């Protein structure tokens, strides 16, 4: 899958007119040369005796592997930042699932805050590309979200060699996770879990353009868990509720924190119970 060269790296401005300023942006061709998908090492599949044939080994490895989950970070984060932010939850989830953290395609200017409002003022950010803030799409001065279709294409290109059973997303990444499920581009995904994710019409518009009636229904039926903070100052609960309603087959859980992916034991337990039920053989067959 080839990504259009119109997908550019942001270096500060987000207006449509600024997208034509070649001195402030790098083309997607240059991005493909320099951007590396960031995945933290997840649980490995069971080791198999070397005496077995490669076909048998591949079949057994496929049957024994842990379910694989694609993790999409929020705006002003990266895969590495998101992974560290949810370290407490990640360690528990990784006991049962293999997590892949993907970097967003758009590099953003350095800022003192990331998508959960935390202070990000660290000199190491300048020297560590894993900490470079990123985004999946941009928002112009008139409030419209741009480069959304390119974000879908980018995720597909970066994950085309992998098969995922579920998607976890925070904030902007949660909106993308929901829309990807609806688009039918990830037919094997059986669960979506989001936190602090708003409803964004442009993402749903792209999903509807990409899918056919069958895949839209399948994506609508995929179980979805949406977590929303009652004190979230960045994403209103009503926006997440709309995402839940329009994304289909969703459950909304409110927590007493702000704009973050909850890592408290009670919330992580709810996430694990949701994933366990959604990815159970009985539930998949029933759907």
C-alpha atoms as a PDB file:
ATOM      1  CA  UNK A   1       0.000   0.000   0.000  1.00  0.00           C
ATOM      2  CA  UNK A   2       1.464   3.321  -1.090  1.00  0.00           C
ATOM      3  CA  UNK A   3       0.855   6.409   1.016  1.00  0.00           C
ATOM      4  CA  UNK A   4       0.213   9.641  -0.918  1.00  0.00           C
ATOM      5  CA  UNK A   5       3.071  12.102  -0.917  1.00  0.00           C
ATOM      6  CA  UNK A   6       0.610  14.701   0.340  1.00  0.00           C
ATOM      7  CA  UNK A   7       0.998  13.199   3.821  1.00  0.00           C
ATOM      8  CA  UNK A   8       3.561  15.513   5.391  1.00  0.00           C
ATOM      9  CA  UNK A   9       5.436  15.795   8.648  1.00  0.00           C
ATOM     10  CA  UNK A  10       4.249  18.728  10.731  1.00  0.00           C
ATOM     11  CA  UNK A  11       6.874  20.990  12.180  1.00  0.00           C
ATOM     12  CA  UNK A  12       4.729  23.656  13.747  1.00  0.00           C
ATOM     13  CA  UNK A  13       1.906  25.064  11.616  1.00  0.00           C
ATOM     14  CA  UNK A  14      -1.384  23.211  11.199  1.00  0.00           C
ATOM     15  CA  UNK A  15      -3.359  25.358   8.756  1.00  0.00           C
ATOM     16  CA  UNK A  16      -4.142  24.083   5.269  1.00  0.00           C
ATOM     17  CA  UNK A  17      -2.117  26.870   3.715  1.00  0.00           C
ATOM     18  CA  UNK A  18       0.884  25.899   5.784  1.00  0.00           C
ATOM     19  CA  UNK A  19       0.855  22.442   4.252  1.00  0.00           C
ATOM     20  CA  UNK A  20       2.202  23.980   1.058  1.00  0.00           C
ATOM     21  CA  UNK A  21       5.197  25.513   2.823  1.00  0.00           C
ATOM     22  CA  UNK A  22       7.912  23.058   1.826  1.00  0.00           C
ATOM     23  CA  UNK A  23      10.472  24.712   4.108  1.00  0.00           C
ATOM     24  CA  UNK A  24       8.383  23.727   7.154  1.00  0.00           C
ATOM     25  CA  UNK A  25       7.474  20.200   6.157  1.00  0.00           C
ATOM     26  CA  UNK A  26       9.135  16.953   5.062  1.00  0.00           C
ATOM     27  CA  UNK A  27       7.528  14.760   2.416  1.00  0.00           C
ATOM     28  CA  UNK A  28       6.163  11.306   3.178  1.00  0.00           C
ATOM     29  CA  UNK A  29       8.890   9.852   0.992  1.00  0.00           C
ATOM     30  CA  UNK A  30      11.485  11.131   3.454  1.00  0.00           C
ATOM     31  CA  UNK A  31       9.325   9.880   6.304  1.00  0.00           C
ATOM     32  CA  UNK A  32       9.348   6.348   4.933  1.00  0.00           C
ATOM     33  CA  UNK A  33      13.144   6.417   4.967  1.00  0.00           C
ATOM     34  CA  UNK A  34      13.518   7.694   8.506  1.00  0.00           C
ATOM     35  CA  UNK A  35      10.453   6.610  10.487  1.00  0.00           C
ATOM     36  CA  UNK A  36      10.665   3.275  12.237  1.00  0.00           C
ATOM     37  CA  UNK A  37       7.654   1.566  13.784  1.00  0.00           C
ATOM     38  CA  UNK A  38       8.211   1.654  17.527  1.00  0.00           C
ATOM     39  CA  UNK A  39       7.295  -1.613  19.210  1.00  0.00           C
ATOM     40  CA  UNK A  40       8.348  -2.504  22.690  1.00  0.00           C
ATOM     41  CA  UNK A  41       9.364  -6.148  23.084  1.00  0.00           C
ATOM     42  CA  UNK A  42       6.253  -8.087  23.993  1.00  0.00           C
ATOM     43  CA  UNK A  43       5.892 -11.668  25.169  1.00  0.00           C
ATOM     44  CA  UNK A  44       7.479 -14.058  22.701  1.00  0.00           C
ATOM     45  CA  UNK A  45       5.780 -17.166  21.359  1.00  0.00           C
ATOM     46  CA  UNK A  46       6.574 -20.547  22.839  1.00  0.00           C
ATOM     47  CA  UNK A  47       9.931 -21.959  21.752  1.00  0.00           C
ATOM     48  CA  UNK A  48       9.639 -25.057  19.594  1.00  0.00           C
ATOM     49  CA  UNK A  49      12.127 -27.917  19.033  1.00  0.00           C
ATOM     50  CA  UNK A  50      14.327 -27.275  16.021  1.00  0.00           C
ATOM     51  CA  UNK A  51      13.877 -30.846  14.791  1.00  0.00           C
ATOM     52  CA  UNK A  52      10.313 -30.130  13.669  1.00  0.00           C
ATOM     53  CA  UNK A  53       9.605 -29.041  10.110  1.00  0.00           C
ATOM     54  CA  UNK A  54       9.209 -25.320   9.491  1.00  0.00           C
ATOM     55  CA  UNK A  55       5.555 -25.746   8.488  1.00  0.00           C
ATOM     56  CA  UNK A  56       4.739 -27.591  11.698  1.00  0.00           C
ATOM     57  CA  UNK A  57       6.644 -25.017  13.719  1.00  0.00           C
ATOM     58  CA  UNK A  58       4.771 -22.171  12.063  1.00  0.00           C
ATOM     59  CA  UNK A  59       1.401 -23.838  12.660  1.00  0.00           C
ATOM     60  CA  UNK A  60       2.159 -24.542  16.301  1.00  0.00           C
ATOM     61  CA  UNK A  61       3.606 -21.072  16.846  1.00  0.00           C
ATOM     62  CA  UNK A  62       0.459 -19.558  15.370  1.00  0.00           C
ATOM     63  CA  UNK A  63      -1.749 -21.680  17.626  1.00  0.00           C
ATOM     64  CA  UNK A  64       0.297 -21.032  20.761  1.00  0.00           C
ATOM     65  CA  UNK A  65       0.932 -17.314  20.413  1.00  0.00           C
ATOM     66  CA  UNK A  66      -0.719 -14.844  22.714  1.00  0.00           C
ATOM     67  CA  UNK A  67      -3.400 -12.612  21.188  1.00  0.00           C
ATOM     68  CA  UNK A  68      -1.750  -9.569  19.650  1.00  0.00           C
ATOM     69  CA  UNK A  69      -2.938  -6.028  20.402  1.00  0.00           C
ATOM     70  CA  UNK A  70      -2.079  -2.878  18.442  1.00  0.00           C
ATOM     71  CA  UNK A  71      -1.628   0.159  20.730  1.00  0.00           C
ATOM     72  CA  UNK A  72      -2.188   3.688  19.404  1.00  0.00           C
ATOM     73  CA  UNK A  73      -0.984   6.657  21.433  1.00  0.00           C
ATOM     74  CA  UNK A  74      -2.523  10.094  21.925  1.00  0.00           C
ATOM     75  CA  UNK A  75      -1.518  13.373  20.324  1.00  0.00           C
ATOM     76  CA  UNK A  76       1.824  14.779  21.505  1.00  0.00           C
ATOM     77  CA  UNK A  77       2.872  11.276  22.543  1.00  0.00           C
ATOM     78  CA  UNK A  78       4.703   8.424  20.819  1.00  0.00           C
ATOM     79  CA  UNK A  79       4.492   4.674  21.105  1.00  0.00           C
ATOM     80  CA  UNK A  80       7.341   4.728  23.607  1.00  0.00           C
ATOM     81  CA  UNK A  81       5.791   7.506  25.700  1.00  0.00           C
ATOM     82  CA  UNK A  82       2.387   5.819  25.720  1.00  0.00           C
ATOM     83  CA  UNK A  83       3.933   2.531  26.784  1.00  0.00           C
ATOM     84  CA  UNK A  84       5.726   4.175  29.682  1.00  0.00           C
ATOM     85  CA  UNK A  85       2.667   6.191  30.722  1.00  0.00           C
ATOM     86  CA  UNK A  86       0.631   3.024  31.165  1.00  0.00           C
ATOM     87  CA  UNK A  87       3.491   0.897  32.507  1.00  0.00           C
ATOM     88  CA  UNK A  88       1.470  -0.361  35.470  1.00  0.00           C
ATOM     89  CA  UNK A  89      -1.394  -1.491  33.261  1.00  0.00           C
ATOM     90  CA  UNK A  90       0.905  -2.649  30.474  1.00  0.00           C
ATOM     91  CA  UNK A  91       2.770  -5.127  32.666  1.00  0.00           C
ATOM     92  CA  UNK A  92      -0.501  -6.769  33.712  1.00  0.00           C
ATOM     93  CA  UNK A  93      -1.927  -6.839  30.185  1.00  0.00           C
ATOM     94  CA  UNK A  94       1.303  -8.275  28.787  1.00  0.00           C
ATOM     95  CA  UNK A  95       0.895 -11.363  30.933  1.00  0.00           C
ATOM     96  CA  UNK A  96      -1.888 -12.429  28.603  1.00  0.00           C
ATOM     97  CA  UNK A  97      -1.390 -10.403  25.427  1.00  0.00           C
ATOM     98  CA  UNK A  98       1.377  -9.303  23.095  1.00  0.00           C
ATOM     99  CA  UNK A  99       1.384  -5.509  22.781  1.00  0.00           C
ATOM    100  CA  UNK A 100       2.708  -3.573  19.790  1.00  0.00           C
ATOM    101  CA  UNK A 101       3.097   0.203  20.207  1.00  0.00           C
ATOM    102  CA  UNK A 102       3.042   2.112  16.920  1.00  0.00           C
ATOM    103  CA  UNK A 103       4.371   5.642  16.381  1.00  0.00           C
ATOM    104  CA  UNK A 104       2.098   8.186  14.729  1.00  0.00           C
ATOM    105  CA  UNK A 105       3.312   9.475  11.342  1.00  0.00           C
ATOM    106  CA  UNK A 106       3.300  13.214  12.041  1.00  0.00           C
ATOM    107  CA  UNK A 107       6.140  14.784  13.993  1.00  0.00           C
ATOM    108  CA  UNK A 108       4.987  17.723  16.094  1.00  0.00           C
ATOM    109  CA  UNK A 109       7.004  20.601  17.520  1.00  0.00           C
ATOM    110  CA  UNK A 110       8.321  20.123  21.037  1.00  0.00           C
ATOM    111  CA  UNK A 111       5.900  21.104  23.774  1.00  0.00           C
ATOM    112  CA  UNK A 112       5.883  21.139  27.553  1.00  0.00           C
ATOM    113  CA  UNK A 113       2.745  19.016  27.721  1.00  0.00           C
ATOM    114  CA  UNK A 114       1.630  15.776  26.118  1.00  0.00           C
ATOM    115  CA  UNK A 115      -1.892  14.540  25.429  1.00  0.00           C
ATOM    116  CA  UNK A 116      -2.614  13.709  29.063  1.00  0.00           C
ATOM    117  CA  UNK A 117      -1.592  17.196  30.231  1.00  0.00           C
ATOM    118  CA  UNK A 118       1.549  15.996  31.980  1.00  0.00           C
ATOM    119  CA  UNK A 119       4.719  18.081  32.053  1.00  0.00           C
ATOM    120  CA  UNK A 120       6.967  16.914  29.250  1.00  0.00           C
ATOM    121  CA  UNK A 121       9.800  19.404  29.749  1.00  0.00           C
ATOM    122  CA  UNK A 122      12.822  17.124  29.518  1.00  0.00           C
ATOM    123  CA  UNK A 123      16.135  17.869  27.845  1.00  0.00           C
ATOM    124  CA  UNK A 124      16.361  14.205  26.846  1.00  0.00           C
ATOM    125  CA  UNK A 125      13.466  14.673  24.423  1.00  0.00           C
ATOM    126  CA  UNK A 126      15.706  16.608  22.075  1.00  0.00           C
ATOM    127  CA  UNK A 127      18.237  13.770  21.970  1.00  0.00           C
ATOM    128  CA  UNK A 128      15.907  10.753  22.019  1.00  0.00           C
ATOM    129  CA  UNK A 129      13.717  10.341  18.948  1.00  0.00           C
ATOM    130  CA  UNK A 130      11.524   7.868  20.841  1.00  0.00           C
ATOM    131  CA  UNK A 131      10.299  10.833  22.896  1.00  0.00           C
ATOM    132  CA  UNK A 132       9.519  13.056  19.918  1.00  0.00           C
ATOM    133  CA  UNK A 133       5.827  14.107  20.096  1.00  0.00           C
ATOM    134  CA  UNK A 134       3.655  12.769  17.299  1.00  0.00           C
ATOM    135  CA  UNK A 135       0.119  12.821  15.990  1.00  0.00           C
ATOM    136  CA  UNK A 136      -2.107  10.737  13.739  1.00  0.00           C
ATOM    137  CA  UNK A 137      -3.701  13.725  12.009  1.00  0.00           C
ATOM    138  CA  UNK A 138      -3.858  17.501  12.343  1.00  0.00           C
ATOM    139  CA  UNK A 139      -6.495  20.075  13.131  1.00  0.00           C
ATOM    140  CA  UNK A 140      -6.670  23.289  11.124  1.00  0.00           C
ATOM    141  CA  UNK A 141      -7.511  26.730  12.459  1.00  0.00           C
ATOM    142  CA  UNK A 142     -11.115  26.350  11.318  1.00  0.00           C
ATOM    143  CA  UNK A 143     -11.486  23.237  13.480  1.00  0.00           C
ATOM    144  CA  UNK A 144     -11.404  20.664  10.679  1.00  0.00           C
ATOM    145  CA  UNK A 145      -9.297  17.526  11.045  1.00  0.00           C
ATOM    146  CA  UNK A 146      -6.965  16.949   8.118  1.00  0.00           C
ATOM    147  CA  UNK A 147      -4.781  14.067   6.876  1.00  0.00           C
ATOM    148  CA  UNK A 148      -7.178  11.571   8.427  1.00  0.00           C
ATOM    149  CA  UNK A 149      -7.354   9.260   5.387  1.00  0.00           C
ATOM    150  CA  UNK A 150      -3.575   9.266   5.218  1.00  0.00           C
ATOM    151  CA  UNK A 151      -3.462   8.131   8.851  1.00  0.00           C
ATOM    152  CA  UNK A 152      -5.550   5.067   7.953  1.00  0.00           C
ATOM    153  CA  UNK A 153      -3.232   4.262   5.028  1.00  0.00           C
ATOM    154  CA  UNK A 154      -0.175   4.746   7.219  1.00  0.00           C
ATOM    155  CA  UNK A 155      -1.366   2.340   9.903  1.00  0.00           C
ATOM    156  CA  UNK A 156      -2.169  -0.292   7.303  1.00  0.00           C
ATOM    157  CA  UNK A 157       1.252   0.081   5.691  1.00  0.00           C
ATOM    158  CA  UNK A 158       3.092  -0.140   8.996  1.00  0.00           C
ATOM    159  CA  UNK A 159       1.153  -3.209  10.164  1.00  0.00           C
ATOM    160  CA  UNK A 160       0.658  -5.113   6.924  1.00  0.00           C
ATOM    161  CA  UNK A 161       2.893  -8.009   7.999  1.00  0.00           C
ATOM    162  CA  UNK A 162       1.074  -8.491  11.311  1.00  0.00           C
ATOM    163  CA  UNK A 163      -2.338  -9.720  12.353  1.00  0.00           C
ATOM    164  CA  UNK A 164      -4.042  -8.126  15.339  1.00  0.00           C
ATOM    165  CA  UNK A 165      -6.787  -9.441  17.570  1.00  0.00           C
ATOM    166  CA  UNK A 166      -7.578  -6.127  19.290  1.00  0.00           C
ATOM    167  CA  UNK A 167      -6.704  -2.434  19.304  1.00  0.00           C
ATOM    168  CA  UNK A 168      -6.100  -0.226  22.336  1.00  0.00           C
ATOM    169  CA  UNK A 169      -6.062   3.529  21.838  1.00  0.00           C
ATOM    170  CA  UNK A 170      -5.695   6.633  23.957  1.00  0.00           C
ATOM    171  CA  UNK A 171      -7.296   9.975  23.071  1.00  0.00           C
ATOM    172  CA  UNK A 172      -6.778  10.612  19.339  1.00  0.00           C
ATOM    173  CA  UNK A 173      -5.463   7.063  19.046  1.00  0.00           C
ATOM    174  CA  UNK A 174      -8.685   5.765  20.593  1.00  0.00           C
ATOM    175  CA  UNK A 175     -10.765   7.556  17.992  1.00  0.00           C
ATOM    176  CA  UNK A 176      -8.568   6.064  15.281  1.00  0.00           C
ATOM    177  CA  UNK A 177      -8.863   2.596  16.847  1.00  0.00           C
ATOM    178  CA  UNK A 178     -12.662   2.774  16.761  1.00  0.00           C
ATOM    179  CA  UNK A 179     -12.741   4.069  13.191  1.00  0.00           C
ATOM    180  CA  UNK A 180     -10.255   1.427  12.001  1.00  0.00           C
ATOM    181  CA  UNK A 181     -12.528  -1.298  13.346  1.00  0.00           C
ATOM    182  CA  UNK A 182     -15.500   0.221  11.510  1.00  0.00           C
ATOM    183  CA  UNK A 183     -13.545   0.550   8.261  1.00  0.00           C
ATOM    184  CA  UNK A 184     -13.072  -3.198   7.880  1.00  0.00           C
ATOM    185  CA  UNK A 185      -9.341  -2.727   7.322  1.00  0.00           C
ATOM    186  CA  UNK A 186      -8.637  -4.965  10.321  1.00  0.00           C
ATOM    187  CA  UNK A 187     -11.112  -7.837   9.819  1.00  0.00           C
ATOM    188  CA  UNK A 188      -9.404  -9.976  12.478  1.00  0.00           C
ATOM    189  CA  UNK A 189      -9.836  -7.391  15.239  1.00  0.00           C
ATOM    190  CA  UNK A 190     -12.349  -8.655  17.776  1.00  0.00           C
ATOM    191  CA  UNK A 191     -12.126  -5.926  20.425  1.00  0.00           C
ATOM    192  CA  UNK A 192     -11.394  -2.213  20.793  1.00  0.00           C
ATOM    193  CA  UNK A 193     -10.552  -0.472  24.049  1.00  0.00           C
ATOM    194  CA  UNK A 194     -10.169   3.310  24.304  1.00  0.00           C
ATOM    195  CA  UNK A 195      -9.558   5.916  26.993  1.00  0.00           C
ATOM    196  CA  UNK A 196     -10.146   9.662  26.783  1.00  0.00           C
ATOM    197  CA  UNK A 197     -11.142   9.359  23.129  1.00  0.00           C
ATOM    198  CA  UNK A 198     -13.388  11.972  21.460  1.00  0.00           C
ATOM    199  CA  UNK A 199     -15.842  11.514  18.634  1.00  0.00           C
ATOM    200  CA  UNK A 200     -14.347  12.984  15.441  1.00  0.00           C
ATOM    201  CA  UNK A 201     -16.662  13.042  12.449  1.00  0.00           C
ATOM    202  CA  UNK A 202     -13.857  13.101   9.868  1.00  0.00           C
ATOM    203  CA  UNK A 203     -12.502   9.765  11.143  1.00  0.00           C
ATOM    204  CA  UNK A 204     -15.922   8.159  10.829  1.00  0.00           C
ATOM    205  CA  UNK A 205     -16.343   9.657   7.352  1.00  0.00           C
ATOM    206  CA  UNK A 206     -13.112   7.997   6.219  1.00  0.00           C
ATOM    207  CA  UNK A 207     -14.162   4.684   7.779  1.00  0.00           C
ATOM    208  CA  UNK A 208     -17.453   4.756   5.879  1.00  0.00           C
ATOM    209  CA  UNK A 209     -15.638   5.532   2.615  1.00  0.00           C
ATOM    210  CA  UNK A 210     -13.305   2.568   3.037  1.00  0.00           C
ATOM    211  CA  UNK A 211     -15.783  -0.086   4.063  1.00  0.00           C
ATOM    212  CA  UNK A 212     -18.581  -1.932   2.316  1.00  0.00           C
ATOM    213  CA  UNK A 213     -21.918  -2.661   3.954  1.00  0.00           C
ATOM    214  CA  UNK A 214     -20.746  -6.039   5.220  1.00  0.00           C
ATOM    215  CA  UNK A 215     -17.515  -4.783   6.793  1.00  0.00           C
ATOM    216  CA  UNK A 216     -19.305  -1.811   8.345  1.00  0.00           C
ATOM    217  CA  UNK A 217     -21.753  -4.151  10.059  1.00  0.00           C
ATOM    218  CA  UNK A 218     -18.906  -6.417  11.180  1.00  0.00           C
ATOM    219  CA  UNK A 219     -16.975  -3.439  12.535  1.00  0.00           C
ATOM    220  CA  UNK A 220     -20.073  -2.071  14.223  1.00  0.00           C
ATOM    221  CA  UNK A 221     -20.549  -5.436  15.978  1.00  0.00           C
ATOM    222  CA  UNK A 222     -16.988  -5.576  17.333  1.00  0.00           C
ATOM    223  CA  UNK A 223     -17.163  -5.144  21.151  1.00  0.00           C
ATOM    224  CA  UNK A 224     -15.794  -1.802  22.308  1.00  0.00           C
ATOM    225  CA  UNK A 225     -14.940  -0.507  25.764  1.00  0.00           C
ATOM    226  CA  UNK A 226     -14.617   3.245  26.213  1.00  0.00           C
ATOM    227  CA  UNK A 227     -13.144   4.746  29.402  1.00  0.00           C
ATOM    228  CA  UNK A 228     -13.836   8.406  30.173  1.00  0.00           C
ATOM    229  CA  UNK A 229     -12.595  10.632  32.996  1.00  0.00           C
ATOM    230  CA  UNK A 230     -15.155  12.683  34.878  1.00  0.00           C
ATOM    231  CA  UNK A 231     -12.517  15.388  35.434  1.00  0.00           C
ATOM    232  CA  UNK A 232     -11.083  15.225  31.904  1.00  0.00           C
ATOM    233  CA  UNK A 233     -10.402  18.831  30.879  1.00  0.00           C
ATOM    234  CA  UNK A 234      -9.409  17.951  27.300  1.00  0.00           C
ATOM    235  CA  UNK A 235     -12.089  15.516  26.135  1.00  0.00           C
ATOM    236  CA  UNK A 236     -15.633  15.903  27.420  1.00  0.00           C
ATOM    237  CA  UNK A 237     -17.430  12.799  28.623  1.00  0.00           C
ATOM    238  CA  UNK A 238     -20.244  13.602  26.186  1.00  0.00           C
ATOM    239  CA  UNK A 239     -17.800  13.380  23.275  1.00  0.00           C
ATOM    240  CA  UNK A 240     -16.636   9.929  24.367  1.00  0.00           C
ATOM    241  CA  UNK A 241     -20.263   8.933  24.890  1.00  0.00           C
ATOM    242  CA  UNK A 242     -20.991   9.931  21.288  1.00  0.00           C
ATOM    243  CA  UNK A 243     -18.009   7.868  20.144  1.00  0.00           C
ATOM    244  CA  UNK A 244     -19.413   4.944  22.105  1.00  0.00           C
ATOM    245  CA  UNK A 245     -22.877   5.301  20.598  1.00  0.00           C
ATOM    246  CA  UNK A 246     -21.820   5.830  16.991  1.00  0.00           C
ATOM    247  CA  UNK A 247     -18.999   3.266  17.121  1.00  0.00           C
ATOM    248  CA  UNK A 248     -21.423   0.445  17.835  1.00  0.00           C
ATOM    249  CA  UNK A 249     -21.564  -2.329  20.437  1.00  0.00           C
ATOM    250  CA  UNK A 250     -19.882  -0.106  23.006  1.00  0.00           C
ATOM    251  CA  UNK A 251     -19.761   0.112  26.769  1.00  0.00           C
ATOM    252  CA  UNK A 252     -18.890   3.387  28.502  1.00  0.00           C
ATOM    253  CA  UNK A 253     -17.168   3.334  31.887  1.00  0.00           C
ATOM    254  CA  UNK A 254     -16.598   6.545  33.830  1.00  0.00           C
ATOM    255  CA  UNK A 255     -13.721   6.976  36.257  1.00  0.00           C
ATOM    256  CA  UNK A 256     -12.909   9.783  38.679  1.00  0.00           C
ATOM    257  CA  UNK A 257      -9.633  10.808  37.020  1.00  0.00           C
ATOM    258  CA  UNK A 258      -8.757  13.127  34.155  1.00  0.00           C
ATOM    259  CA  UNK A 259      -7.375  12.736  30.653  1.00  0.00           C
ATOM    260  CA  UNK A 260      -5.384   9.518  30.893  1.00  0.00           C
ATOM    261  CA  UNK A 261      -5.439   5.793  30.301  1.00  0.00           C
ATOM    262  CA  UNK A 262      -6.325   4.449  33.776  1.00  0.00           C
ATOM    263  CA  UNK A 263      -3.722   2.240  35.438  1.00  0.00           C
ATOM    264  CA  UNK A 264      -5.419   1.641  38.772  1.00  0.00           C
ATOM    265  CA  UNK A 265      -6.028  -2.026  39.560  1.00  0.00           C
ATOM    266  CA  UNK A 266      -9.831  -1.814  39.379  1.00  0.00           C
ATOM    267  CA  UNK A 267      -9.797  -0.205  35.943  1.00  0.00           C
ATOM    268  CA  UNK A 268      -7.126  -2.571  34.582  1.00  0.00           C
ATOM    269  CA  UNK A 269      -9.212  -5.498  35.820  1.00  0.00           C
ATOM    270  CA  UNK A 270     -12.174  -4.168  33.844  1.00  0.00           C
ATOM    271  CA  UNK A 271     -10.008  -3.894  30.728  1.00  0.00           C
ATOM    272  CA  UNK A 272      -8.699  -7.445  31.151  1.00  0.00           C
ATOM    273  CA  UNK A 273     -12.193  -8.821  31.755  1.00  0.00           C
ATOM    274  CA  UNK A 274     -13.435  -7.038  28.648  1.00  0.00           C
ATOM    275  CA  UNK A 275     -10.597  -8.338  26.488  1.00  0.00           C
ATOM    276  CA  UNK A 276     -10.965 -11.853  27.878  1.00  0.00           C
ATOM    277  CA  UNK A 277     -14.673 -11.940  27.072  1.00  0.00           C
ATOM    278  CA  UNK A 278     -14.368 -10.295  23.643  1.00  0.00           C
ATOM    279  CA  UNK A 279     -11.507 -12.532  22.530  1.00  0.00           C
ATOM    280  CA  UNK A 280     -13.009 -15.754  23.862  1.00  0.00           C
ATOM    281  CA  UNK A 281     -13.598 -18.446  21.256  1.00  0.00           C
ATOM    282  CA  UNK A 282     -17.273 -18.667  22.176  1.00  0.00           C
ATOM    283  CA  UNK A 283     -17.836 -14.944  21.670  1.00  0.00           C
ATOM    284  CA  UNK A 284     -16.017 -14.874  18.340  1.00  0.00           C
ATOM    285  CA  UNK A 285     -18.013 -17.843  17.022  1.00  0.00           C
ATOM    286  CA  UNK A 286     -21.274 -16.251  18.182  1.00  0.00           C
ATOM    287  CA  UNK A 287     -20.506 -13.110  16.185  1.00  0.00           C
END
